[in-house]
PDB file of all heavy atoms in Angstrom:
ATOM      1  N   SER A   1     114.149-118.741 -96.537  1.00  0.00           N
ATOM      2  CA  SER A   1     113.305-118.541 -95.404  1.00  0.00           C
ATOM      3  C   SER A   1     114.112-118.330 -94.115  1.00  0.00           C
ATOM      4  O   SER A   1     113.606-117.875 -93.128  1.00  0.00           O
ATOM      5  CB  SER A   1     112.349-119.749 -95.216  1.00  0.00           C
ATOM      6  OG  SER A   1     113.142-120.936 -95.081  1.00  0.00           O
ATOM      7  N   GLU A   2     115.418-118.757 -94.162  1.00  0.00           N
ATOM      8  CA  GLU A   2     116.226-118.594 -92.985  1.00  0.00           C
ATOM      9  C   GLU A   2     116.647-117.175 -92.762  1.00  0.00           C
ATOM     10  O   GLU A   2     117.072-116.790 -91.635  1.00  0.00           O
ATOM     11  CB  GLU A   2     117.463-119.513 -93.110  1.00  0.00           C
ATOM     12  CG  GLU A   2     117.074-120.972 -93.128  1.00  0.00           C
ATOM     13  CD  GLU A   2     118.289-121.864 -93.468  1.00  0.00           C
ATOM     14  OE1 GLU A   2     119.435-121.313 -93.399  1.00  0.00           O
ATOM     15  OE2 GLU A   2     118.066-123.039 -93.709  1.00  0.00           O
ATOM     16  N   GLU A   3     116.618-116.345 -93.788  1.00  0.00           N
ATOM     17  CA  GLU A   3     117.058-114.988 -93.673  1.00  0.00           C
ATOM     18  C   GLU A   3     115.899-114.108 -93.125  1.00  0.00           C
ATOM     19  O   GLU A   3     114.828-114.097 -93.678  1.00  0.00           O
ATOM     20  CB  GLU A   3     117.519-114.437 -95.041  1.00  0.00           C
ATOM     21  CG  GLU A   3     118.243-113.131 -94.948  1.00  0.00           C
ATOM     22  CD  GLU A   3     118.984-112.850 -96.238  1.00  0.00           C
ATOM     23  OE1 GLU A   3     118.714-113.406 -97.248  1.00  0.00           O
ATOM     24  OE2 GLU A   3     119.831-111.903 -96.170  1.00  0.00           O
ATOM     25  N   THR A   4     116.180-113.384 -92.083  1.00  0.00           N
ATOM     26  CA  THR A   4     115.180-112.551 -91.454  1.00  0.00           C
ATOM     27  C   THR A   4     115.056-111.220 -92.200  1.00  0.00           C
ATOM     28  O   THR A   4     115.955-110.829 -93.004  1.00  0.00           O
ATOM     29  CB  THR A   4     115.479-112.286 -90.012  1.00  0.00           C
ATOM     30  OG1 THR A   4     116.674-111.422 -89.901  1.00  0.00           O
ATOM     31  CG2 THR A   4     115.694-113.554 -89.211  1.00  0.00           C
ATOM     32  N   LYS A   5     113.976-110.472 -91.915  1.00  0.00           N
ATOM     33  CA  LYS A   5     113.813-109.168 -92.504  1.00  0.00           C
ATOM     34  C   LYS A   5     114.945-108.235 -92.133  1.00  0.00           C
ATOM     35  O   LYS A   5     115.409-107.448 -92.907  1.00  0.00           O
ATOM     36  CB  LYS A   5     112.456-108.557 -92.126  1.00  0.00           C
ATOM     37  CG  LYS A   5     111.288-109.076 -92.889  1.00  0.00           C
ATOM     38  CD  LYS A   5     110.053-108.341 -92.550  1.00  0.00           C
ATOM     39  CE  LYS A   5     108.878-108.796 -93.369  1.00  0.00           C
ATOM     40  NZ  LYS A   5     107.708-107.985 -93.156  1.00  0.00           N
ATOM     41  N   GLU A   6     115.411-108.379 -90.856  1.00  0.00           N
ATOM     42  CA  GLU A   6     116.522-107.544 -90.396  1.00  0.00           C
ATOM     43  C   GLU A   6     117.816-107.840 -91.180  1.00  0.00           C
ATOM     44  O   GLU A   6     118.547-106.934 -91.575  1.00  0.00           O
ATOM     45  CB  GLU A   6     116.730-107.749 -88.902  1.00  0.00           C
ATOM     46  CG  GLU A   6     117.802-106.836 -88.352  1.00  0.00           C
ATOM     47  CD  GLU A   6     117.907-106.953 -86.801  1.00  0.00           C
ATOM     48  OE1 GLU A   6     116.824-106.997 -86.184  1.00  0.00           O
ATOM     49  OE2 GLU A   6     119.005-107.031 -86.324  1.00  0.00           O
ATOM     50  N   GLN A   7     118.027-109.132 -91.468  1.00  0.00           N
ATOM     51  CA  GLN A   7     119.245-109.506 -92.240  1.00  0.00           C
ATOM     52  C   GLN A   7     119.071-108.963 -93.607  1.00  0.00           C
ATOM     53  O   GLN A   7     120.060-108.498 -94.248  1.00  0.00           O
ATOM     54  CB  GLN A   7     119.382-111.001 -92.266  1.00  0.00           C
ATOM     55  CG  GLN A   7     119.830-111.580 -90.943  1.00  0.00           C
ATOM     56  CD  GLN A   7     119.747-113.100 -90.919  1.00  0.00           C
ATOM     57  OE1 GLN A   7     118.864-113.695 -91.495  1.00  0.00           O
ATOM     58  NE2 GLN A   7     120.711-113.712 -90.231  1.00  0.00           N
ATOM     59  N   THR A   8     117.892-109.046 -94.188  1.00  0.00           N
ATOM     60  CA  THR A   8     117.631-108.519 -95.551  1.00  0.00           C
ATOM     61  C   THR A   8     117.885-107.010 -95.588  1.00  0.00           C
ATOM     62  O   THR A   8     118.496-106.503 -96.486  1.00  0.00           O
ATOM     63  CB  THR A   8     116.177-108.806 -95.977  1.00  0.00           C
ATOM     64  OG1 THR A   8     115.979-110.222 -95.920  1.00  0.00           O
ATOM     65  CG2 THR A   8     115.917-108.347 -97.366  1.00  0.00           C
ATOM     66  N   PHE A   9     117.380-106.319 -94.540  1.00  0.00           N
ATOM     67  CA  PHE A   9     117.589-104.850 -94.479  1.00  0.00           C
ATOM     68  C   PHE A   9     119.071-104.561 -94.430  1.00  0.00           C
ATOM     69  O   PHE A   9     119.577-103.691 -95.131  1.00  0.00           O
ATOM     70  CB  PHE A   9     116.886-104.332 -93.237  1.00  0.00           C
ATOM     71  CG  PHE A   9     117.015-102.872 -93.024  1.00  0.00           C
ATOM     72  CD1 PHE A   9     116.223-102.004 -93.768  1.00  0.00           C
ATOM     73  CD2 PHE A   9     117.916-102.353 -92.108  1.00  0.00           C
ATOM     74  CE1 PHE A   9     116.370-100.621 -93.619  1.00  0.00           C
ATOM     75  CE2 PHE A   9     118.039-100.986 -91.949  1.00  0.00           C
ATOM     76  CZ  PHE A   9     117.231-100.101 -92.692  1.00  0.00           C
ATOM     77  N   ASP A  10     119.774-105.301 -93.588  1.00  0.00           N
ATOM     78  CA  ASP A  10     121.239-105.040 -93.476  1.00  0.00           C
ATOM     79  C   ASP A  10     121.987-105.337 -94.767  1.00  0.00           C
ATOM     80  O   ASP A  10     122.863-104.632 -95.167  1.00  0.00           O
ATOM     81  CB  ASP A  10     121.810-105.951 -92.360  1.00  0.00           C
ATOM     82  CG  ASP A  10     121.415-105.544 -90.971  1.00  0.00           C
ATOM     83  OD1 ASP A  10     120.877-104.423 -90.789  1.00  0.00           O
ATOM     84  OD2 ASP A  10     121.563-106.322 -90.026  1.00  0.00           O
ATOM     85  N   SER A  11     121.551-106.383 -95.460  1.00  0.00           N
ATOM     86  CA  SER A  11     122.142-106.747 -96.774  1.00  0.00           C
ATOM     87  C   SER A  11     121.907-105.619 -97.751  1.00  0.00           C
ATOM     88  O   SER A  11     122.776-105.240 -98.513  1.00  0.00           O
ATOM     89  CB  SER A  11     121.558-108.053 -97.259  1.00  0.00           C
ATOM     90  OG  SER A  11     122.028-108.319 -98.542  1.00  0.00           O
ATOM     91  N   ARG A  12     120.693-105.083 -97.806  1.00  0.00           N
ATOM     92  CA  ARG A  12     120.370-104.008 -98.672  1.00  0.00           C
ATOM     93  C   ARG A  12     121.202-102.785 -98.379  1.00  0.00           C
ATOM     94  O   ARG A  12     121.725-102.134 -99.292  1.00  0.00           O
ATOM     95  CB  ARG A  12     118.892-103.622 -98.581  1.00  0.00           C
ATOM     96  CG  ARG A  12     117.964-104.619 -99.230  1.00  0.00           C
ATOM     97  CD  ARG A  12     116.561-104.215 -99.005  1.00  0.00           C
ATOM     98  NE  ARG A  12     115.624-105.032 -99.791  1.00  0.00           N
ATOM     99  CZ  ARG A  12     114.332-104.825 -99.828  1.00  0.00           C
ATOM    100  NH1 ARG A  12     113.782-103.893 -99.110  1.00  0.00           N
ATOM    101  NH2 ARG A  12     113.568-105.598-100.571  1.00  0.00           N
ATOM    102  N   LEU A  13     121.318-102.466 -97.118  1.00  0.00           N
ATOM    103  CA  LEU A  13     122.145-101.299 -96.743  1.00  0.00           C
ATOM    104  C   LEU A  13     123.577-101.504 -97.134  1.00  0.00           C
ATOM    105  O   LEU A  13     124.266-100.578 -97.581  1.00  0.00           O
ATOM    106  CB  LEU A  13     122.059-101.075 -95.211  1.00  0.00           C
ATOM    107  CG  LEU A  13     120.759-100.448 -94.738  1.00  0.00           C
ATOM    108  CD1 LEU A  13     120.868-100.204 -93.193  1.00  0.00           C
ATOM    109  CD2 LEU A  13     120.418 -99.175 -95.448  1.00  0.00           C
ATOM    110  N   ALA A  14     124.092-102.729 -97.022  1.00  0.00           N
ATOM    111  CA  ALA A  14     125.473-102.976 -97.387  1.00  0.00           C
ATOM    112  C   ALA A  14     125.692-102.726 -98.925  1.00  0.00           C
ATOM    113  O   ALA A  14     126.662-102.145 -99.323  1.00  0.00           O
ATOM    114  CB  ALA A  14     125.859-104.409 -97.022  1.00  0.00           C
ATOM    115  N   HIS A  15     124.728-103.139 -99.720  1.00  0.00           N
ATOM    116  CA  HIS A  15     124.838-102.935-101.147  1.00  0.00           C
ATOM    117  C   HIS A  15     124.780-101.402-101.475  1.00  0.00           C
ATOM    118  O   HIS A  15     125.548-100.952-102.342  1.00  0.00           O
ATOM    119  CB  HIS A  15     123.693-103.621-101.943  1.00  0.00           C
ATOM    120  CG  HIS A  15     123.924-105.082-102.105  1.00  0.00           C
ATOM    121  ND1 HIS A  15     124.878-105.629-102.955  1.00  0.00           N
ATOM    122  CD2 HIS A  15     123.359-106.143-101.524  1.00  0.00           C
ATOM    123  CE1 HIS A  15     124.861-106.927-102.890  1.00  0.00           C
ATOM    124  NE2 HIS A  15     123.907-107.280-102.036  1.00  0.00           N
ATOM    125  N   ILE A  16     123.957-100.705-100.828  1.00  0.00           N
ATOM    126  CA  ILE A  16     123.803 -99.266-101.041  1.00  0.00           C
ATOM    127  C   ILE A  16     125.102 -98.570-100.553  1.00  0.00           C
ATOM    128  O   ILE A  16     125.633 -97.661-101.200  1.00  0.00           O
ATOM    129  CB  ILE A  16     122.561 -98.657-100.320  1.00  0.00           C
ATOM    130  CG1 ILE A  16     121.291 -99.353-100.889  1.00  0.00           C
ATOM    131  CG2 ILE A  16     122.507 -97.172-100.514  1.00  0.00           C
ATOM    132  CD1 ILE A  16     121.118 -99.288-102.423  1.00  0.00           C
ATOM    133  N   ALA A  17     125.636 -99.025 -99.441  1.00  0.00           N
ATOM    134  CA  ALA A  17     126.887 -98.425 -98.912  1.00  0.00           C
ATOM    135  C   ALA A  17     128.031 -98.708 -99.902  1.00  0.00           C
ATOM    136  O   ALA A  17     128.916 -97.858-100.025  1.00  0.00           O
ATOM    137  CB  ALA A  17     127.229 -99.055 -97.570  1.00  0.00           C
ATOM    138  N   ASN A  18     127.986 -99.794-100.604  1.00  0.00           N
ATOM    139  CA  ASN A  18     129.047-100.086-101.611  1.00  0.00           C
ATOM    140  C   ASN A  18     129.058 -99.054-102.681  1.00  0.00           C
ATOM    141  O   ASN A  18     130.104 -98.714-103.254  1.00  0.00           O
ATOM    142  CB  ASN A  18     128.849-101.481-102.233  1.00  0.00           C
ATOM    143  CG  ASN A  18     129.280-102.590-101.258  1.00  0.00           C
ATOM    144  OD1 ASN A  18     130.011-102.357-100.305  1.00  0.00           O
ATOM    145  ND2 ASN A  18     128.827-103.782-101.539  1.00  0.00           N
ATOM    146  N   VAL A  19     127.864 -98.462-103.035  1.00  0.00           N
ATOM    147  CA  VAL A  19     127.823 -97.429-104.034  1.00  0.00           C
ATOM    148  C   VAL A  19     128.611 -96.165-103.566  1.00  0.00           C
ATOM    149  O   VAL A  19     129.324 -95.557-104.316  1.00  0.00           O
ATOM    150  CB  VAL A  19     126.374 -97.010-104.355  1.00  0.00           C
ATOM    151  CG1 VAL A  19     126.280 -95.798-105.283  1.00  0.00           C
ATOM    152  CG2 VAL A  19     125.643 -98.187-105.018  1.00  0.00           C
ATOM    153  N   ILE A  20     128.499 -95.919-102.276  1.00  0.00           N
ATOM    154  CA  ILE A  20     129.226 -94.744-101.726  1.00  0.00           C
ATOM    155  C   ILE A  20     130.716 -95.062-101.792  1.00  0.00           C
ATOM    156  O   ILE A  20     131.518 -94.138-102.156  1.00  0.00           O
ATOM    157  CB  ILE A  20     128.797 -94.511-100.264  1.00  0.00           C
ATOM    158  CG1 ILE A  20     127.296 -94.064-100.287  1.00  0.00           C
ATOM    159  CG2 ILE A  20     129.691 -93.455 -99.570  1.00  0.00           C
ATOM    160  CD1 ILE A  20     126.650 -94.075 -98.924  1.00  0.00           C
ATOM    161  N   SER A  21     131.117 -96.263-101.488  1.00  0.00           N
ATOM    162  CA  SER A  21     132.545 -96.655-101.544  1.00  0.00           C
ATOM    163  C   SER A  21     133.030 -96.513-103.011  1.00  0.00           C
ATOM    164  O   SER A  21     134.161 -95.998-103.228  1.00  0.00           O
ATOM    165  CB  SER A  21     132.724 -98.087-101.082  1.00  0.00           C
ATOM    166  OG  SER A  21     132.410 -98.166 -99.699  1.00  0.00           O
ATOM    167  N   VAL A  22     132.281 -97.006-103.978  1.00  0.00           N
ATOM    168  CA  VAL A  22     132.674 -96.919-105.366  1.00  0.00           C
ATOM    169  C   VAL A  22     132.831 -95.450-105.782  1.00  0.00           C
ATOM    170  O   VAL A  22     133.778 -95.050-106.403  1.00  0.00           O
ATOM    171  CB  VAL A  22     131.711 -97.697-106.283  1.00  0.00           C
ATOM    172  CG1 VAL A  22     131.964 -97.345-107.748  1.00  0.00           C
ATOM    173  CG2 VAL A  22     131.797 -99.167-106.025  1.00  0.00           C
ATOM    174  N   THR A  23     131.850 -94.642-105.383  1.00  0.00           N
ATOM    175  CA  THR A  23     131.879 -93.225-105.737  1.00  0.00           C
ATOM    176  C   THR A  23     133.102 -92.531-105.161  1.00  0.00           C
ATOM    177  O   THR A  23     133.820 -91.788-105.854  1.00  0.00           O
ATOM    178  CB  THR A  23     130.612 -92.543-105.210  1.00  0.00           C
ATOM    179  OG1 THR A  23     129.454 -93.158-105.806  1.00  0.00           O
ATOM    180  CG2 THR A  23     130.603 -91.080-105.582  1.00  0.00           C
ATOM    181  N   GLU A  24     133.381 -92.831-103.922  1.00  0.00           N
ATOM    182  CA  GLU A  24     134.538 -92.256-103.222  1.00  0.00           C
ATOM    183  C   GLU A  24     135.817 -92.723-103.972  1.00  0.00           C
ATOM    184  O   GLU A  24     136.709 -91.897-104.225  1.00  0.00           O
ATOM    185  CB  GLU A  24     134.559 -92.696-101.778  1.00  0.00           C
ATOM    186  CG  GLU A  24     135.695 -92.153-100.965  1.00  0.00           C
ATOM    187  CD  GLU A  24     136.994 -92.964-101.001  1.00  0.00           C
ATOM    188  OE1 GLU A  24     136.889 -94.157-101.236  1.00  0.00           O
ATOM    189  OE2 GLU A  24     138.074 -92.384-100.810  1.00  0.00           O
ATOM    190  N   ARG A  25     135.910 -93.977-104.229  1.00  0.00           N
ATOM    191  CA  ARG A  25     137.123 -94.499-104.893  1.00  0.00           C
ATOM    192  C   ARG A  25     137.298 -93.877-106.283  1.00  0.00           C
ATOM    193  O   ARG A  25     138.412 -93.435-106.594  1.00  0.00           O
ATOM    194  CB  ARG A  25     137.006 -96.050-105.017  1.00  0.00           C
ATOM    195  CG  ARG A  25     138.168 -96.735-105.630  1.00  0.00           C
ATOM    196  CD  ARG A  25     139.499 -96.660-104.893  1.00  0.00           C
ATOM    197  NE  ARG A  25     139.385 -97.038-103.476  1.00  0.00           N
ATOM    198  CZ  ARG A  25     139.696 -98.232-103.012  1.00  0.00           C
ATOM    199  NH1 ARG A  25     140.184 -99.124-103.773  1.00  0.00           N
ATOM    200  NH2 ARG A  25     139.613 -98.452-101.774  1.00  0.00           N
ATOM    201  N   LEU A  26     136.281 -93.812-107.085  1.00  0.00           N
ATOM    202  CA  LEU A  26     136.427 -93.280-108.413  1.00  0.00           C
ATOM    203  C   LEU A  26     136.724 -91.772-108.415  1.00  0.00           C
ATOM    204  O   LEU A  26     137.411 -91.270-109.303  1.00  0.00           O
ATOM    205  CB  LEU A  26     135.162 -93.571-109.225  1.00  0.00           C
ATOM    206  CG  LEU A  26     134.876 -95.074-109.519  1.00  0.00           C
ATOM    207  CD1 LEU A  26     133.550 -95.185-110.277  1.00  0.00           C
ATOM    208  CD2 LEU A  26     136.044 -95.685-110.301  1.00  0.00           C
ATOM    209  N   HIS A  27     136.161 -91.108-107.412  1.00  0.00           N
ATOM    210  CA  HIS A  27     136.337 -89.665-107.370  1.00  0.00           C
ATOM    211  C   HIS A  27     137.728 -89.247-106.831  1.00  0.00           C
ATOM    212  O   HIS A  27     138.407 -88.389-107.375  1.00  0.00           O
ATOM    213  CB  HIS A  27     135.216 -89.019-106.548  1.00  0.00           C
ATOM    214  CG  HIS A  27     135.256 -87.538-106.511  1.00  0.00           C
ATOM    215  ND1 HIS A  27     134.952 -86.790-107.585  1.00  0.00           N
ATOM    216  CD2 HIS A  27     135.663 -86.669-105.522  1.00  0.00           C
ATOM    217  CE1 HIS A  27     135.096 -85.480-107.226  1.00  0.00           C
ATOM    218  NE2 HIS A  27     135.499 -85.395-105.987  1.00  0.00           N
ATOM    219  N   PHE A  28     138.073 -89.871-105.719  1.00  0.00           N
ATOM    220  CA  PHE A  28     139.293 -89.439-105.036  1.00  0.00           C
ATOM    221  C   PHE A  28     140.529 -90.277-105.331  1.00  0.00           C
ATOM    222  O   PHE A  28     141.672 -89.797-105.235  1.00  0.00           O
ATOM    223  CB  PHE A  28     139.088 -89.449-103.499  1.00  0.00           C
ATOM    224  CG  PHE A  28     138.085 -88.449-103.020  1.00  0.00           C
ATOM    225  CD1 PHE A  28     136.856 -88.821-102.594  1.00  0.00           C
ATOM    226  CD2 PHE A  28     138.383 -87.116-103.082  1.00  0.00           C
ATOM    227  CE1 PHE A  28     135.935 -87.891-102.179  1.00  0.00           C
ATOM    228  CE2 PHE A  28     137.487 -86.123-102.668  1.00  0.00           C
ATOM    229  CZ  PHE A  28     136.261 -86.518-102.218  1.00  0.00           C
ATOM    230  N   ARG A  29     140.362 -91.564-105.706  1.00  0.00           N
ATOM    231  CA  ARG A  29     141.510 -92.421-105.998  1.00  0.00           C
ATOM    232  C   ARG A  29     141.257 -93.314-107.200  1.00  0.00           C
ATOM    233  O   ARG A  29     141.307 -94.511-107.119  1.00  0.00           O
ATOM    234  CB  ARG A  29     141.797 -93.292-104.757  1.00  0.00           C
ATOM    235  CG  ARG A  29     142.138 -92.463-103.551  1.00  0.00           C
ATOM    236  CD  ARG A  29     142.425 -93.301-102.340  1.00  0.00           C
ATOM    237  NE  ARG A  29     141.263 -94.171-102.120  1.00  0.00           N
ATOM    238  CZ  ARG A  29     141.188 -95.079-101.158  1.00  0.00           C
ATOM    239  NH1 ARG A  29     142.205 -95.290-100.375  1.00  0.00           N
ATOM    240  NH2 ARG A  29     140.156 -95.836-100.979  1.00  0.00           N
ATOM    241  N   PRO A  30     140.971 -92.679-108.348  1.00  0.00           N
ATOM    242  CA  PRO A  30     140.684 -93.522-109.508  1.00  0.00           C
ATOM    243  C   PRO A  30     141.731 -94.450-109.975  1.00  0.00           C
ATOM    244  O   PRO A  30     141.451 -95.539-110.506  1.00  0.00           O
ATOM    245  CB  PRO A  30     140.381 -92.428-110.623  1.00  0.00           C
ATOM    246  CG  PRO A  30     141.031 -91.203-110.140  1.00  0.00           C
ATOM    247  CD  PRO A  30     141.066 -91.252-108.635  1.00  0.00           C
ATOM    248  N   ASN A  31     143.017 -94.126-109.686  1.00  0.00           N
ATOM    249  CA  ASN A  31     144.109 -95.001-110.113  1.00  0.00           C
ATOM    250  C   ASN A  31     144.143 -96.265-109.250  1.00  0.00           C
ATOM    251  O   ASN A  31     144.732 -97.277-109.611  1.00  0.00           O
ATOM    252  CB  ASN A  31     145.455 -94.281-109.998  1.00  0.00           C
ATOM    253  CG  ASN A  31     145.543 -93.149-111.064  1.00  0.00           C
ATOM    254  OD1 ASN A  31     144.881 -93.211-112.085  1.00  0.00           O
ATOM    255  ND2 ASN A  31     146.320 -92.181-110.763  1.00  0.00           N
ATOM    256  N   ASP A  32     143.527 -96.235-108.063  1.00  0.00           N
ATOM    257  CA  ASP A  32     143.507 -97.375-107.159  1.00  0.00           C
ATOM    258  C   ASP A  32     142.256 -98.235-107.343  1.00  0.00           C
ATOM    259  O   ASP A  32     142.142 -99.284-106.732  1.00  0.00           O
ATOM    260  CB  ASP A  32     143.592 -96.930-105.714  1.00  0.00           C
ATOM    261  CG  ASP A  32     144.903 -96.277-105.369  1.00  0.00           C
ATOM    262  OD1 ASP A  32     145.911 -96.596-106.047  1.00  0.00           O
ATOM    263  OD2 ASP A  32     144.909 -95.493-104.454  1.00  0.00           O
ATOM    264  N   ALA A  33     141.320 -97.770-108.141  1.00  0.00           N
ATOM    265  CA  ALA A  33     140.053 -98.449-108.285  1.00  0.00           C
ATOM    266  C   ALA A  33     140.241 -99.787-109.042  1.00  0.00           C
ATOM    267  O   ALA A  33     140.830 -99.853-110.125  1.00  0.00           O
ATOM    268  CB  ALA A  33     139.062 -97.579-109.029  1.00  0.00           C
TER     269      ALA A  33
END
Protein backbone atom coordinates (compact mmCIF):
# COMPACT_ATOMS: atom_id res chain seq x y z
CA SER A 1 0.00 0.00 0.00
CA GLU A 2 2.97 2.32 0.42
CA GLU A 3 3.79 2.17 -3.28
CA THR A 4 1.94 4.76 -5.32
CA LYS A 5 0.57 4.27 -8.82
CA GLU A 6 3.33 6.56 -10.11
CA GLN A 7 5.98 4.39 -8.47
CA THR A 8 4.33 1.31 -9.94
CA PHE A 9 4.30 2.94 -13.38
CA ASP A 10 7.98 3.83 -13.03
CA SER A 11 8.81 0.31 -11.92
CA ARG A 12 6.98 -1.15 -14.90
CA LEU A 13 8.82 1.17 -17.26
CA ALA A 14 12.13 0.17 -15.72
CA HIS A 15 11.40 -3.52 -16.37
CA ILE A 16 10.41 -2.81 -19.96
CA ALA A 17 13.52 -0.64 -20.44
CA ASN A 18 15.61 -3.59 -19.25
CA VAL A 19 14.34 -5.56 -22.26
CA ILE A 20 15.79 -2.88 -24.52
CA SER A 21 19.10 -3.09 -22.66
CA VAL A 22 19.19 -6.88 -22.98
CA THR A 23 18.36 -6.67 -26.68
CA GLU A 24 21.09 -4.10 -27.24
CA ARG A 25 23.63 -6.12 -25.29
CA LEU A 26 22.85 -9.41 -27.05
CA HIS A 27 22.80 -7.82 -30.48
CA PHE A 28 25.81 -5.51 -30.32
CA ARG A 29 28.00 -6.97 -27.55
CA PRO A 30 27.06 -10.62 -27.02
CA ASN A 31 30.50 -11.50 -25.63
CA ASP A 32 29.98 -8.96 -22.82
CA ALA A 33 26.49 -10.17 -21.93
